[in-house]
């Protein structure tokens, strides 16, 4: 999977040179290439922003160098890319969106700065707008890295154990069950006996029950979107009875 990132701060993406995304790049499962609008300016100051028409605070990214950088990214993509603008006005990025993103072969991500980018770039160059949450960042770079990380780990070979990805929180629409490792007792708290039993059917049942219960307690909005099976409803009812 190829990612082209349009950004005036390409050095920020060195954060992806660690962990599984680093390994994914070394094994060429993913490729990252940055395109700096400053490289496409014509003035000696390499200006990429200007005052907004109509007045107001802050600066707006100028369309000419931004468009040139986007076109360079489009030309470098191995197949025609989907162009994404990271924006607080975009659709909410979630696990389903990460799965869809991971199916794309080439993506260009535009990381805006300042008060935003010239609207004509959005109208003429952008296919989709995405947001990672209802809050404001100083730029789109961190949002782009979040999306790249979320999509990359879904690609075969990036995470060592594919089953780990399949059982992640939100993959099934539920939050993940609690996890434990050695020692058996820590701070006076024991590991739940069922996990020590070796009884796989009971472990599966306990984990599903905990996932349902946690989602009911912490993210009822997610639970409301699901149609529970008879077993799932029974386990949720049992969880609710257990906690009184």
C-alpha atoms as a PDB file:
ATOM      1  CA  UNK A   1       0.000   0.000   0.000  1.00  0.00           C
ATOM      2  CA  UNK A   2       1.368   3.405  -1.008  1.00  0.00           C
ATOM      3  CA  UNK A   3       0.778   6.598   0.987  1.00  0.00           C
ATOM      4  CA  UNK A   4       1.629   9.990  -0.459  1.00  0.00           C
ATOM      5  CA  UNK A   5       1.536  12.728   2.172  1.00  0.00           C
ATOM      6  CA  UNK A   6       1.274  16.393   1.247  1.00  0.00           C
ATOM      7  CA  UNK A   7       2.771  18.259   4.190  1.00  0.00           C
ATOM      8  CA  UNK A   8       5.035  21.194   5.025  1.00  0.00           C
ATOM      9  CA  UNK A   9       6.452  19.141   7.898  1.00  0.00           C
ATOM     10  CA  UNK A  10       7.625  15.846   6.333  1.00  0.00           C
ATOM     11  CA  UNK A  11      10.033  15.273   9.214  1.00  0.00           C
ATOM     12  CA  UNK A  12       7.079  14.582  11.514  1.00  0.00           C
ATOM     13  CA  UNK A  13       6.446  11.293   9.742  1.00  0.00           C
ATOM     14  CA  UNK A  14       9.679   9.853  11.126  1.00  0.00           C
ATOM     15  CA  UNK A  15       7.411   8.787  13.997  1.00  0.00           C
ATOM     16  CA  UNK A  16       6.268   5.963  11.727  1.00  0.00           C
ATOM     17  CA  UNK A  17       9.844   4.660  11.553  1.00  0.00           C
ATOM     18  CA  UNK A  18       9.254   2.749  14.788  1.00  0.00           C
ATOM     19  CA  UNK A  19       7.398  -0.420  15.704  1.00  0.00           C
ATOM     20  CA  UNK A  20       5.251  -2.345  13.265  1.00  0.00           C
ATOM     21  CA  UNK A  21       4.974   0.505  10.754  1.00  0.00           C
ATOM     22  CA  UNK A  22       8.768   0.582  10.531  1.00  0.00           C
ATOM     23  CA  UNK A  23       8.871  -3.141   9.832  1.00  0.00           C
ATOM     24  CA  UNK A  24       6.066  -2.769   7.309  1.00  0.00           C
ATOM     25  CA  UNK A  25       8.103  -0.160   5.446  1.00  0.00           C
ATOM     26  CA  UNK A  26      11.266  -2.262   5.499  1.00  0.00           C
ATOM     27  CA  UNK A  27       9.352  -5.219   4.106  1.00  0.00           C
ATOM     28  CA  UNK A  28       7.679  -2.903   1.534  1.00  0.00           C
ATOM     29  CA  UNK A  29       4.190  -3.775   2.699  1.00  0.00           C
ATOM     30  CA  UNK A  30       3.606  -0.042   2.958  1.00  0.00           C
ATOM     31  CA  UNK A  31       5.450   2.829   1.312  1.00  0.00           C
ATOM     32  CA  UNK A  32       5.408   6.437   2.498  1.00  0.00           C
ATOM     33  CA  UNK A  33       6.410   9.378   0.339  1.00  0.00           C
ATOM     34  CA  UNK A  34       6.110  13.025   1.372  1.00  0.00           C
ATOM     35  CA  UNK A  35       5.499  15.991  -0.916  1.00  0.00           C
ATOM     36  CA  UNK A  36       6.253  19.431   0.530  1.00  0.00           C
ATOM     37  CA  UNK A  37       4.292  22.340  -0.993  1.00  0.00           C
ATOM     38  CA  UNK A  38       7.293  24.569  -0.239  1.00  0.00           C
ATOM     39  CA  UNK A  39       9.197  22.680  -2.931  1.00  0.00           C
ATOM     40  CA  UNK A  40       6.677  23.943  -5.472  1.00  0.00           C
ATOM     41  CA  UNK A  41       6.781  27.657  -4.614  1.00  0.00           C
ATOM     42  CA  UNK A  42       8.245  30.339  -6.891  1.00  0.00           C
ATOM     43  CA  UNK A  43       9.253  33.061  -4.421  1.00  0.00           C
ATOM     44  CA  UNK A  44      12.483  33.168  -2.443  1.00  0.00           C
ATOM     45  CA  UNK A  45      10.627  32.887   0.863  1.00  0.00           C
ATOM     46  CA  UNK A  46       8.896  29.655  -0.246  1.00  0.00           C
ATOM     47  CA  UNK A  47       5.548  31.070   0.866  1.00  0.00           C
ATOM     48  CA  UNK A  48       2.705  28.586   1.232  1.00  0.00           C
ATOM     49  CA  UNK A  49       0.151  30.748   3.059  1.00  0.00           C
ATOM     50  CA  UNK A  50      -1.526  34.132   2.740  1.00  0.00           C
ATOM     51  CA  UNK A  51      -4.189  36.300   4.384  1.00  0.00           C
ATOM     52  CA  UNK A  52      -7.803  35.138   3.972  1.00  0.00           C
ATOM     53  CA  UNK A  53     -10.084  37.067   1.651  1.00  0.00           C
ATOM     54  CA  UNK A  54     -12.756  38.831   3.673  1.00  0.00           C
ATOM     55  CA  UNK A  55     -10.429  39.333   6.613  1.00  0.00           C
ATOM     56  CA  UNK A  56     -10.220  37.411   9.834  1.00  0.00           C
ATOM     57  CA  UNK A  57      -7.508  35.838  11.961  1.00  0.00           C
ATOM     58  CA  UNK A  58      -4.748  33.523  10.807  1.00  0.00           C
ATOM     59  CA  UNK A  59      -3.521  32.484   7.392  1.00  0.00           C
ATOM     60  CA  UNK A  60      -4.792  30.153   4.676  1.00  0.00           C
ATOM     61  CA  UNK A  61      -2.711  27.704   2.640  1.00  0.00           C
ATOM     62  CA  UNK A  62      -2.371  29.000  -0.912  1.00  0.00           C
ATOM     63  CA  UNK A  63      -3.785  26.892  -3.752  1.00  0.00           C
ATOM     64  CA  UNK A  64      -0.903  26.997  -6.273  1.00  0.00           C
ATOM     65  CA  UNK A  65       1.872  25.215  -4.343  1.00  0.00           C
ATOM     66  CA  UNK A  66      -0.653  22.896  -2.701  1.00  0.00           C
ATOM     67  CA  UNK A  67      -2.111  21.850  -6.030  1.00  0.00           C
ATOM     68  CA  UNK A  68       1.348  21.289  -7.505  1.00  0.00           C
ATOM     69  CA  UNK A  69       2.308  19.072  -4.552  1.00  0.00           C
ATOM     70  CA  UNK A  70      -0.922  17.079  -4.867  1.00  0.00           C
ATOM     71  CA  UNK A  71      -0.390  16.590  -8.589  1.00  0.00           C
ATOM     72  CA  UNK A  72       3.184  15.441  -7.968  1.00  0.00           C
ATOM     73  CA  UNK A  73       1.841  12.910  -5.449  1.00  0.00           C
ATOM     74  CA  UNK A  74      -0.790  11.741  -7.930  1.00  0.00           C
ATOM     75  CA  UNK A  75       1.897  11.264 -10.572  1.00  0.00           C
ATOM     76  CA  UNK A  76       4.121   9.292  -8.174  1.00  0.00           C
ATOM     77  CA  UNK A  77       1.351   6.920  -7.058  1.00  0.00           C
ATOM     78  CA  UNK A  78       1.672   3.387  -8.463  1.00  0.00           C
ATOM     79  CA  UNK A  79      -2.060   3.383  -9.310  1.00  0.00           C
ATOM     80  CA  UNK A  80      -4.528   6.295  -9.410  1.00  0.00           C
ATOM     81  CA  UNK A  81      -4.942   7.306  -5.751  1.00  0.00           C
ATOM     82  CA  UNK A  82      -7.811   8.385  -3.566  1.00  0.00           C
ATOM     83  CA  UNK A  83      -7.086  11.918  -2.359  1.00  0.00           C
ATOM     84  CA  UNK A  84      -8.020  12.511   1.277  1.00  0.00           C
ATOM     85  CA  UNK A  85      -8.032  15.836   3.117  1.00  0.00           C
ATOM     86  CA  UNK A  86      -7.653  15.633   6.909  1.00  0.00           C
ATOM     87  CA  UNK A  87     -10.201  18.060   8.278  1.00  0.00           C
ATOM     88  CA  UNK A  88     -12.288  18.525  11.441  1.00  0.00           C
ATOM     89  CA  UNK A  89     -15.223  18.944   9.039  1.00  0.00           C
ATOM     90  CA  UNK A  90     -14.691  15.487   7.534  1.00  0.00           C
ATOM     91  CA  UNK A  91     -16.437  12.194   8.212  1.00  0.00           C
ATOM     92  CA  UNK A  92     -15.540  10.531  11.491  1.00  0.00           C
ATOM     93  CA  UNK A  93     -12.739   8.007  11.061  1.00  0.00           C
ATOM     94  CA  UNK A  94     -13.443   4.699  12.797  1.00  0.00           C
ATOM     95  CA  UNK A  95     -12.495   1.032  12.565  1.00  0.00           C
ATOM     96  CA  UNK A  96     -14.757   0.418   9.572  1.00  0.00           C
ATOM     97  CA  UNK A  97     -13.130   3.352   7.807  1.00  0.00           C
ATOM     98  CA  UNK A  98      -9.696   1.934   8.648  1.00  0.00           C
ATOM     99  CA  UNK A  99     -10.725  -1.375   7.068  1.00  0.00           C
ATOM    100  CA  UNK A 100     -11.898   0.439   3.951  1.00  0.00           C
ATOM    101  CA  UNK A 101      -8.706   2.487   3.814  1.00  0.00           C
ATOM    102  CA  UNK A 102      -6.618  -0.685   4.078  1.00  0.00           C
ATOM    103  CA  UNK A 103      -8.273  -1.982   0.895  1.00  0.00           C
ATOM    104  CA  UNK A 104      -6.951   0.943  -1.143  1.00  0.00           C
ATOM    105  CA  UNK A 105      -3.702   0.518  -3.079  1.00  0.00           C
ATOM    106  CA  UNK A 106      -2.733   4.192  -3.256  1.00  0.00           C
ATOM    107  CA  UNK A 107      -3.772   7.127  -1.066  1.00  0.00           C
ATOM    108  CA  UNK A 108      -2.766  10.785  -1.074  1.00  0.00           C
ATOM    109  CA  UNK A 109      -3.303  12.541   2.259  1.00  0.00           C
ATOM    110  CA  UNK A 110      -3.332  16.322   2.513  1.00  0.00           C
ATOM    111  CA  UNK A 111      -2.257  17.666   5.899  1.00  0.00           C
ATOM    112  CA  UNK A 112      -3.539  21.203   6.201  1.00  0.00           C
ATOM    113  CA  UNK A 113      -2.141  23.906   8.466  1.00  0.00           C
ATOM    114  CA  UNK A 114      -3.009  27.391   9.732  1.00  0.00           C
ATOM    115  CA  UNK A 115      -6.717  28.292   9.331  1.00  0.00           C
ATOM    116  CA  UNK A 116      -7.140  25.687   6.596  1.00  0.00           C
ATOM    117  CA  UNK A 117      -6.621  25.386   2.862  1.00  0.00           C
ATOM    118  CA  UNK A 118      -8.138  27.278  -0.045  1.00  0.00           C
ATOM    119  CA  UNK A 119     -11.617  25.829  -0.639  1.00  0.00           C
ATOM    120  CA  UNK A 120     -10.957  25.536  -4.364  1.00  0.00           C
ATOM    121  CA  UNK A 121      -8.400  22.820  -3.674  1.00  0.00           C
ATOM    122  CA  UNK A 122     -11.055  20.809  -1.839  1.00  0.00           C
ATOM    123  CA  UNK A 123     -13.474  21.293  -4.728  1.00  0.00           C
ATOM    124  CA  UNK A 124     -11.007  20.385  -7.479  1.00  0.00           C
ATOM    125  CA  UNK A 125      -8.540  17.906  -5.961  1.00  0.00           C
ATOM    126  CA  UNK A 126     -10.062  16.142  -2.946  1.00  0.00           C
ATOM    127  CA  UNK A 127     -12.092  12.924  -3.120  1.00  0.00           C
ATOM    128  CA  UNK A 128     -12.862  12.519   0.586  1.00  0.00           C
ATOM    129  CA  UNK A 129     -12.581  14.483   3.836  1.00  0.00           C
ATOM    130  CA  UNK A 130     -11.910  12.638   7.093  1.00  0.00           C
ATOM    131  CA  UNK A 131     -11.626  13.633  10.753  1.00  0.00           C
ATOM    132  CA  UNK A 132     -10.183  11.602  13.626  1.00  0.00           C
ATOM    133  CA  UNK A 133     -12.391  13.343  16.200  1.00  0.00           C
ATOM    134  CA  UNK A 134     -14.297  16.408  17.245  1.00  0.00           C
ATOM    135  CA  UNK A 135     -11.275  18.419  18.325  1.00  0.00           C
ATOM    136  CA  UNK A 136      -8.795  20.737  16.639  1.00  0.00           C
ATOM    137  CA  UNK A 137      -5.139  19.920  15.953  1.00  0.00           C
ATOM    138  CA  UNK A 138      -2.478  22.367  14.811  1.00  0.00           C
ATOM    139  CA  UNK A 139      -2.245  20.458  11.537  1.00  0.00           C
ATOM    140  CA  UNK A 140      -3.319  17.329   9.727  1.00  0.00           C
ATOM    141  CA  UNK A 141      -0.038  15.457  10.138  1.00  0.00           C
ATOM    142  CA  UNK A 142      -0.949  13.679  13.375  1.00  0.00           C
ATOM    143  CA  UNK A 143      -4.352  12.751  11.958  1.00  0.00           C
ATOM    144  CA  UNK A 144      -2.670  11.322   8.850  1.00  0.00           C
ATOM    145  CA  UNK A 145      -0.300   9.257  10.998  1.00  0.00           C
ATOM    146  CA  UNK A 146      -3.198   7.899  13.044  1.00  0.00           C
ATOM    147  CA  UNK A 147      -5.014   6.814   9.888  1.00  0.00           C
ATOM    148  CA  UNK A 148      -1.871   5.303   8.343  1.00  0.00           C
ATOM    149  CA  UNK A 149      -1.152   3.332  11.508  1.00  0.00           C
ATOM    150  CA  UNK A 150      -4.754   2.108  11.814  1.00  0.00           C
ATOM    151  CA  UNK A 151      -4.894   0.959   8.192  1.00  0.00           C
ATOM    152  CA  UNK A 152      -1.374  -0.479   8.027  1.00  0.00           C
ATOM    153  CA  UNK A 153      -1.845  -2.894  10.925  1.00  0.00           C
ATOM    154  CA  UNK A 154      -4.757  -4.470   9.035  1.00  0.00           C
ATOM    155  CA  UNK A 155      -2.545  -5.433   6.089  1.00  0.00           C
ATOM    156  CA  UNK A 156      -1.331  -9.043   5.997  1.00  0.00           C
ATOM    157  CA  UNK A 157       2.144  -9.422   7.461  1.00  0.00           C
ATOM    158  CA  UNK A 158       2.265  -6.121   9.350  1.00  0.00           C
ATOM    159  CA  UNK A 159       1.154  -7.471  12.743  1.00  0.00           C
ATOM    160  CA  UNK A 160       2.836 -10.767  13.631  1.00  0.00           C
ATOM    161  CA  UNK A 161      -0.387 -12.505  14.684  1.00  0.00           C
ATOM    162  CA  UNK A 162      -3.350 -11.941  12.361  1.00  0.00           C
ATOM    163  CA  UNK A 163      -5.659 -13.371  15.039  1.00  0.00           C
ATOM    164  CA  UNK A 164      -4.646 -10.479  17.302  1.00  0.00           C
ATOM    165  CA  UNK A 165      -6.007  -8.028  14.735  1.00  0.00           C
ATOM    166  CA  UNK A 166      -9.201 -10.054  14.317  1.00  0.00           C
ATOM    167  CA  UNK A 167      -9.964  -9.837  18.061  1.00  0.00           C
ATOM    168  CA  UNK A 168      -9.154  -6.149  18.552  1.00  0.00           C
ATOM    169  CA  UNK A 169     -11.589  -3.797  20.197  1.00  0.00           C
ATOM    170  CA  UNK A 170     -14.165  -2.443  17.713  1.00  0.00           C
ATOM    171  CA  UNK A 171     -13.341  -4.992  14.989  1.00  0.00           C
ATOM    172  CA  UNK A 172     -16.497  -6.910  15.921  1.00  0.00           C
ATOM    173  CA  UNK A 173     -18.310  -3.769  17.032  1.00  0.00           C
ATOM    174  CA  UNK A 174     -17.556  -4.519  20.698  1.00  0.00           C
ATOM    175  CA  UNK A 175     -14.855  -3.394  23.081  1.00  0.00           C
ATOM    176  CA  UNK A 176     -12.224  -6.016  23.827  1.00  0.00           C
ATOM    177  CA  UNK A 177     -12.356  -8.247  26.894  1.00  0.00           C
ATOM    178  CA  UNK A 178      -9.819  -7.727  29.759  1.00  0.00           C
ATOM    179  CA  UNK A 179      -6.351  -9.194  29.237  1.00  0.00           C
ATOM    180  CA  UNK A 180      -4.008 -10.733  31.838  1.00  0.00           C
ATOM    181  CA  UNK A 181      -0.471 -12.137  31.918  1.00  0.00           C
ATOM    182  CA  UNK A 182       1.981 -13.354  34.589  1.00  0.00           C
ATOM    183  CA  UNK A 183       2.213 -13.185  37.563  1.00  0.00           C
ATOM    184  CA  UNK A 184      -0.950 -15.010  38.565  1.00  0.00           C
ATOM    185  CA  UNK A 185      -1.449 -12.600  41.483  1.00  0.00           C
ATOM    186  CA  UNK A 186      -0.473  -8.936  41.248  1.00  0.00           C
ATOM    187  CA  UNK A 187      -1.167  -6.264  43.891  1.00  0.00           C
ATOM    188  CA  UNK A 188      -3.358  -8.818  45.634  1.00  0.00           C
ATOM    189  CA  UNK A 189      -5.507  -9.264  42.524  1.00  0.00           C
ATOM    190  CA  UNK A 190      -5.725 -12.735  40.940  1.00  0.00           C
ATOM    191  CA  UNK A 191      -6.196 -13.670  37.307  1.00  0.00           C
ATOM    192  CA  UNK A 192      -9.806 -14.824  36.742  1.00  0.00           C
ATOM    193  CA  UNK A 193      -9.801 -18.615  37.327  1.00  0.00           C
ATOM    194  CA  UNK A 194     -11.556 -19.355  34.024  1.00  0.00           C
ATOM    195  CA  UNK A 195      -8.487 -18.123  32.124  1.00  0.00           C
ATOM    196  CA  UNK A 196      -6.339 -20.637  34.002  1.00  0.00           C
ATOM    197  CA  UNK A 197      -8.714 -23.529  33.387  1.00  0.00           C
ATOM    198  CA  UNK A 198      -7.636 -24.503  29.901  1.00  0.00           C
ATOM    199  CA  UNK A 199     -11.324 -24.929  29.015  1.00  0.00           C
ATOM    200  CA  UNK A 200     -11.466 -23.150  25.664  1.00  0.00           C
ATOM    201  CA  UNK A 201     -15.254 -23.059  25.353  1.00  0.00           C
ATOM    202  CA  UNK A 202     -15.601 -21.469  28.795  1.00  0.00           C
ATOM    203  CA  UNK A 203     -12.789 -19.002  28.055  1.00  0.00           C
ATOM    204  CA  UNK A 204     -14.512 -17.980  24.800  1.00  0.00           C
ATOM    205  CA  UNK A 205     -17.805 -17.560  26.667  1.00  0.00           C
ATOM    206  CA  UNK A 206     -16.178 -15.465  29.431  1.00  0.00           C
ATOM    207  CA  UNK A 207     -14.388 -13.238  26.937  1.00  0.00           C
ATOM    208  CA  UNK A 208     -17.551 -12.619  24.939  1.00  0.00           C
ATOM    209  CA  UNK A 209     -19.447 -11.846  28.128  1.00  0.00           C
ATOM    210  CA  UNK A 210     -16.767  -9.362  29.221  1.00  0.00           C
ATOM    211  CA  UNK A 211     -16.729  -7.704  25.791  1.00  0.00           C
ATOM    212  CA  UNK A 212     -20.486  -7.285  25.856  1.00  0.00           C
ATOM    213  CA  UNK A 213     -20.426  -6.012  29.427  1.00  0.00           C
ATOM    214  CA  UNK A 214     -17.644  -3.519  28.855  1.00  0.00           C
ATOM    215  CA  UNK A 215     -19.356  -2.181  25.766  1.00  0.00           C
ATOM    216  CA  UNK A 216     -22.643  -1.861  27.665  1.00  0.00           C
ATOM    217  CA  UNK A 217     -20.904   0.066  30.456  1.00  0.00           C
ATOM    218  CA  UNK A 218     -18.499   2.220  28.451  1.00  0.00           C
ATOM    219  CA  UNK A 219     -19.892   2.553  24.930  1.00  0.00           C
ATOM    220  CA  UNK A 220     -23.628   1.898  24.894  1.00  0.00           C
ATOM    221  CA  UNK A 221     -23.762   3.776  21.590  1.00  0.00           C
ATOM    222  CA  UNK A 222     -21.819   0.929  19.963  1.00  0.00           C
ATOM    223  CA  UNK A 223     -24.053  -1.695  21.489  1.00  0.00           C
ATOM    224  CA  UNK A 224     -27.141   0.078  20.172  1.00  0.00           C
ATOM    225  CA  UNK A 225     -25.888  -0.455  16.610  1.00  0.00           C
ATOM    226  CA  UNK A 226     -25.629  -4.236  16.988  1.00  0.00           C
ATOM    227  CA  UNK A 227     -28.222  -6.963  16.649  1.00  0.00           C
ATOM    228  CA  UNK A 228     -27.261  -9.395  19.392  1.00  0.00           C
ATOM    229  CA  UNK A 229     -27.638 -13.128  19.009  1.00  0.00           C
ATOM    230  CA  UNK A 230     -29.552 -15.109  21.636  1.00  0.00           C
ATOM    231  CA  UNK A 231     -26.261 -16.172  23.204  1.00  0.00           C
ATOM    232  CA  UNK A 232     -24.926 -12.632  23.270  1.00  0.00           C
ATOM    233  CA  UNK A 233     -28.115 -11.240  24.819  1.00  0.00           C
ATOM    234  CA  UNK A 234     -28.068 -13.981  27.460  1.00  0.00           C
ATOM    235  CA  UNK A 235     -24.426 -13.265  28.301  1.00  0.00           C
ATOM    236  CA  UNK A 236     -25.095  -9.532  28.531  1.00  0.00           C
ATOM    237  CA  UNK A 237     -28.068 -10.139  30.820  1.00  0.00           C
ATOM    238  CA  UNK A 238     -25.852 -12.390  32.931  1.00  0.00           C
ATOM    239  CA  UNK A 239     -23.181  -9.693  33.149  1.00  0.00           C
ATOM    240  CA  UNK A 240     -25.740  -7.094  34.236  1.00  0.00           C
ATOM    241  CA  UNK A 241     -27.098  -9.486  36.896  1.00  0.00           C
ATOM    242  CA  UNK A 242     -23.565 -10.166  38.150  1.00  0.00           C
ATOM    243  CA  UNK A 243     -22.836  -6.517  38.839  1.00  0.00           C
ATOM    244  CA  UNK A 244     -26.168  -6.083  40.611  1.00  0.00           C
END
